Amino acid sequence: MISPLPKASIIQYQRLQTFSAISFDLDDTLYNNLPYVMHASEQLFWFINQTYPATTAWNVDQWQQLKHALFTRHPELAHDTSAARYAMLHQGLLHFNYSEVEASKGAQDGMTCFHHHRSNFTIDNNVMQLLERLSQRYRLIGITNGNVDTQRIGLDKVMQFVLHPGHGVKMKPAADMFTLACRQLDIRPSALLHVGDHPLSDIAGAKMAGCQSVWLNPCMQQRHKKAQPVLPHIEINQLDLLLELL
């Protein structure tokens, strides 16, 4: 039996103040991210195993263990997913006694493979239409911890810019990207409304940076009771409710 769609729901915890720009988290807010990342990861390791056969001795968990070991030695990698994946591939290939030249080329080619598959989709038409309508009244930007190619998936048509972590800019919930966004928009933090699905990265991060927030919580889980350090201004379970809300 097909489950009925959840009833549209808007919960207001704090009154929204005047704002002039809206920032969106991307992964799991504007699209379901998991299938794309899983497929990209599968294609990456297929490529590495085919091109560098010695690596077949490792499974995905062992590669992940290497990446987390690199975080311990180089904490800055935890704020740059692309740099962390490159470092993992490079160090892994060196571990299997491939030369520095082979390891560097393999890591770079692996990243090219991963990024191709990771961004091999386009935003759903309904979501794009929503963003287009909002862009007629507000400046729209993206603030993401991920590394999707926003031009390939079509967001460059509706967003003025998209910020990613790395190169000294920390991931959400750190204030870095929120502060940088407001500086580039030339607005005060309170004039930015951030929309995202994650109670810590998006909601707590935005509010700690002085911005307003909308929590997209599709299943209306009561996560804020246990896992959410602060309440959002607004909670919604469907993205298109933004039109009704704003």
Protein backbone atom coordinates (compact mmCIF):
# COMPACT_ATOMS: atom_id res chain seq x y z
CA MET A 1 0.00 0.00 0.00
CA ILE A 2 1.32 3.44 -0.91
CA SER A 3 1.83 5.64 2.15
CA PRO A 4 -0.13 8.90 2.04
CA LEU A 5 1.83 12.11 1.63
CA PRO A 6 2.38 13.90 4.94
CA LYS A 7 0.06 16.79 5.65
CA ALA A 8 1.63 20.17 4.95
CA SER A 9 2.88 21.66 8.17
CA ILE A 10 4.36 25.00 9.24
CA ILE A 11 5.43 25.52 12.85
CA GLN A 12 6.56 28.95 13.97
CA TYR A 13 8.86 29.14 16.99
CA GLN A 14 10.02 32.74 16.51
CA ARG A 15 8.64 35.57 14.42
CA LEU A 16 10.65 36.20 11.26
CA GLN A 17 12.19 39.64 10.96
CA THR A 18 12.67 41.46 7.65
CA PHE A 19 15.27 39.78 5.43
CA SER A 20 16.54 40.43 1.91
CA ALA A 21 18.30 37.20 0.95
CA ILE A 22 17.74 33.46 1.33
CA SER A 23 20.51 30.88 1.54
CA PHE A 24 19.84 27.22 0.89
CA ASP A 25 21.66 24.15 2.01
CA LEU A 26 21.93 21.90 -1.07
CA ASP A 27 22.39 18.21 -0.18
CA ASP A 28 19.18 16.67 1.21
CA THR A 29 17.43 20.03 1.10
CA LEU A 30 17.03 20.65 -2.63
CA TYR A 31 17.52 16.99 -3.66
CA ASN A 32 18.06 13.55 -2.17
CA ASN A 33 21.83 13.41 -2.03
CA LEU A 34 22.57 9.84 -0.89
CA PRO A 35 21.99 7.95 -4.18
CA TYR A 36 24.31 10.27 -6.11
CA VAL A 37 27.13 10.09 -3.57
CA MET A 38 26.84 6.31 -3.24
CA HIS A 39 26.95 5.84 -7.02
CA ALA A 40 29.90 8.22 -7.34
CA SER A 41 31.78 6.35 -4.62
CA GLU A 42 31.09 3.00 -6.30
CA GLN A 43 32.37 4.31 -9.62
CA LEU A 44 35.45 5.81 -7.97
CA PHE A 45 36.54 2.56 -6.32
CA TRP A 46 35.73 0.56 -9.47
CA PHE A 47 38.05 2.89 -11.38
CA ILE A 48 40.81 2.70 -8.75
CA ASN A 49 40.61 -1.10 -8.54
CA GLN A 50 40.67 -1.48 -12.33
CA THR A 51 43.55 0.93 -12.86
CA TYR A 52 45.61 0.00 -9.80
CA PRO A 53 44.92 -3.72 -9.17
CA ALA A 54 46.86 -3.92 -5.90
CA THR A 55 44.15 -1.80 -4.27
CA THR A 56 41.62 -4.64 -4.54
CA ALA A 57 43.12 -5.89 -1.26
CA TRP A 58 41.18 -3.11 0.52
CA ASN A 59 37.44 -2.70 0.96
CA VAL A 60 35.64 0.63 1.32
CA ASP A 61 35.82 0.52 5.13
CA GLN A 62 39.61 0.35 5.01
CA TRP A 63 39.74 3.37 2.73
CA GLN A 64 37.48 5.21 5.18
CA GLN A 65 39.75 4.25 8.07
CA LEU A 66 42.67 5.78 6.20
CA LYS A 67 40.71 8.98 5.60
CA HIS A 68 39.86 9.33 9.29
CA ALA A 69 43.49 8.70 10.20
CA LEU A 70 44.40 11.58 7.90
CA PHE A 71 41.92 13.79 9.77
CA THR A 72 43.90 13.15 12.95
CA ARG A 73 47.18 14.19 11.31
CA HIS A 74 45.66 17.01 9.22
CA PRO A 75 42.53 18.38 10.97
CA GLU A 76 41.95 20.93 8.20
CA LEU A 77 40.97 18.09 5.87
CA ALA A 78 37.79 17.58 7.91
CA HIS A 79 36.56 20.89 6.45
CA ASP A 80 37.28 20.08 2.79
CA THR A 81 35.65 16.94 1.42
CA SER A 82 37.44 17.10 -1.93
CA ALA A 83 40.89 17.60 -0.39
CA ALA A 84 40.20 14.78 2.08
CA ARG A 85 39.18 12.35 -0.67
CA TYR A 86 42.23 13.28 -2.77
CA ALA A 87 44.54 12.78 0.22
CA MET A 88 42.91 9.41 0.95
CA LEU A 89 43.45 8.18 -2.61
CA HIS A 90 46.99 9.53 -2.79
CA GLN A 91 48.07 7.99 0.52
CA GLY A 92 46.29 4.72 -0.27
CA LEU A 93 48.11 4.33 -3.56
CA LEU A 94 51.42 5.06 -1.88
CA HIS A 95 50.54 2.40 0.72
CA PHE A 96 50.27 -0.14 -2.10
CA ASN A 97 53.76 0.83 -3.30
CA TYR A 98 52.73 2.83 -6.32
CA SER A 99 55.16 5.63 -7.12
CA GLU A 100 54.58 9.27 -6.23
CA VAL A 101 53.83 10.03 -9.87
CA GLU A 102 51.36 7.13 -10.08
CA ALA A 103 49.73 8.05 -6.77
CA SER A 104 49.30 11.70 -7.75
CA LYS A 105 47.87 10.82 -11.16
CA GLY A 106 45.62 8.14 -9.70
CA ALA A 107 44.26 10.47 -7.05
CA GLN A 108 43.58 13.21 -9.59
CA ASP A 109 41.96 10.85 -12.10
CA GLY A 110 39.93 9.31 -9.29
CA MET A 111 38.66 12.73 -8.24
CA THR A 112 37.69 13.50 -11.85
CA CYS A 113 35.72 10.24 -11.94
CA PHE A 114 34.04 10.93 -8.61
CA HIS A 115 33.06 14.50 -9.43
CA HIS A 116 31.61 13.48 -12.79
CA HIS A 117 29.23 10.97 -11.23
CA ARG A 118 28.59 12.98 -8.08
CA SER A 119 27.07 15.86 -10.09
CA ASN A 120 25.48 13.82 -12.88
CA PHE A 121 21.91 15.00 -12.30
CA THR A 122 19.74 18.10 -12.54
CA ILE A 123 17.48 19.71 -9.96
CA ASP A 124 13.84 18.64 -10.09
CA ASN A 125 11.68 21.01 -12.17
CA ASN A 126 9.31 21.71 -9.28
CA VAL A 127 12.21 22.76 -7.06
CA MET A 128 13.65 24.94 -9.83
CA GLN A 129 10.31 26.63 -10.34
CA LEU A 130 10.09 27.32 -6.62
CA LEU A 131 13.56 28.86 -6.61
CA GLU A 132 12.78 30.92 -9.70
CA ARG A 133 9.68 32.36 -8.03
CA LEU A 134 11.59 33.16 -4.84
CA SER A 135 14.41 34.76 -6.85
CA GLN A 136 11.95 37.34 -8.19
CA ARG A 137 11.73 38.81 -4.69
CA TYR A 138 14.88 37.72 -2.84
CA ARG A 139 18.53 37.23 -3.64
CA LEU A 140 19.23 33.48 -3.48
CA ILE A 141 22.53 31.81 -2.64
CA GLY A 142 23.73 28.37 -1.57
CA ILE A 143 25.72 27.42 1.54
CA THR A 144 26.78 23.77 1.46
CA ASN A 145 29.25 21.49 3.18
CA GLY A 146 29.35 19.36 0.03
CA ASN A 147 31.18 19.60 -3.27
CA VAL A 148 28.46 19.25 -5.91
CA ASP A 149 29.03 21.13 -9.19
CA THR A 150 26.23 23.67 -8.93
CA GLN A 151 26.53 24.72 -12.56
CA ARG A 152 26.03 21.17 -13.83
CA ILE A 153 22.92 20.64 -11.72
CA GLY A 154 21.43 23.97 -12.83
CA LEU A 155 21.59 26.12 -9.70
CA ASP A 156 23.69 28.83 -11.35
CA LYS A 157 20.50 29.90 -13.14
CA VAL A 158 18.77 30.94 -9.90
CA MET A 159 21.53 31.52 -7.33
CA GLN A 160 23.92 34.43 -7.27
CA PHE A 161 26.68 32.28 -5.80
CA VAL A 162 27.26 29.10 -3.80
CA LEU A 163 29.77 28.78 -0.96
CA HIS A 164 31.70 25.58 -0.21
CA PRO A 165 34.11 24.90 2.66
CA GLY A 166 37.84 24.52 2.15
CA HIS A 167 40.92 26.70 1.78
CA GLY A 168 40.60 27.88 5.36
CA VAL A 169 36.79 28.21 5.30
CA LYS A 170 35.25 25.82 7.83
CA MET A 171 32.17 23.66 7.37
CA LYS A 172 28.81 24.46 8.93
CA PRO A 173 27.93 24.77 11.79
CA ALA A 174 30.99 27.05 11.97
CA ALA A 175 30.03 30.62 11.17
CA ASP A 176 32.59 31.01 8.37
CA MET A 177 30.33 30.56 5.34
CA PHE A 178 27.40 32.44 6.87
CA THR A 179 29.68 35.39 7.67
CA LEU A 180 31.27 35.26 4.22
CA ALA A 181 27.87 35.13 2.54
CA CYS A 182 26.63 38.20 4.39
CA ARG A 183 29.85 40.05 3.53
CA GLN A 184 29.46 39.22 -0.16
CA LEU A 185 25.79 40.20 -0.10
CA ASP A 186 26.63 43.33 1.91
CA ILE A 187 23.91 42.66 4.48
CA ARG A 188 23.74 42.14 8.22
CA PRO A 189 23.47 38.50 9.36
CA SER A 190 19.89 39.03 10.52
CA ALA A 191 18.91 39.90 6.94
CA LEU A 192 19.82 36.39 5.75
CA LEU A 193 17.28 33.56 6.04
CA HIS A 194 18.90 30.13 5.83
CA VAL A 195 16.92 27.03 4.80
CA GLY A 196 18.30 23.58 5.52
CA ASP A 197 17.56 20.05 6.67
CA HIS A 198 20.20 19.54 9.36
CA PRO A 199 19.39 20.69 12.91
CA LEU A 200 23.04 21.26 13.83
CA SER A 201 24.82 22.25 10.61
CA ASP A 202 22.02 24.39 9.21
CA ILE A 203 19.83 25.58 12.04
CA ALA A 204 22.26 25.92 14.93
CA GLY A 205 24.96 27.11 12.54
CA ALA A 206 22.77 29.83 11.06
CA LYS A 207 21.44 31.05 14.38
CA MET A 208 24.86 31.11 16.03
CA ALA A 209 26.04 33.26 13.11
CA GLY A 210 23.16 35.68 13.77
CA CYS A 211 21.03 34.60 10.79
CA GLN A 212 17.38 33.53 10.70
CA SER A 213 16.51 29.92 9.91
CA VAL A 214 13.93 27.57 8.42
CA TRP A 215 14.26 23.88 9.23
CA LEU A 216 13.09 21.56 6.43
CA ASN A 217 12.01 18.47 8.36
CA PRO A 218 10.10 16.28 5.86
CA CYS A 219 9.14 13.53 8.31
CA MET A 220 8.37 16.01 11.10
CA GLN A 221 10.71 14.07 13.35
CA GLN A 222 11.01 15.45 16.83
CA ARG A 223 14.75 15.76 16.47
CA HIS A 224 14.91 19.15 18.12
CA LYS A 225 13.97 17.59 21.46
CA LYS A 226 17.20 15.58 21.63
CA ALA A 227 19.63 16.51 18.92
CA GLN A 228 18.90 20.13 18.12
CA PRO A 229 20.73 22.62 20.33
CA VAL A 230 18.49 25.55 19.29
CA LEU A 231 15.06 25.90 17.76
CA PRO A 232 14.64 27.27 14.24
CA HIS A 233 12.53 30.30 13.57
CA ILE A 234 10.25 28.17 11.39
CA GLU A 235 9.85 24.44 10.79
CA ILE A 236 8.31 23.08 7.58
CA ASN A 237 7.92 19.60 6.13
CA GLN A 238 7.64 20.56 2.44
CA LEU A 239 9.93 22.91 0.56
CA ASP A 240 7.12 24.52 -1.42
CA LEU A 241 5.64 25.82 1.84
CA LEU A 242 8.25 28.57 1.58
CA LEU A 243 5.96 30.30 -0.91
CA GLU A 244 3.11 30.28 1.60
CA LEU A 245 5.42 31.29 4.43
CA LEU A 246 7.12 34.17 2.63
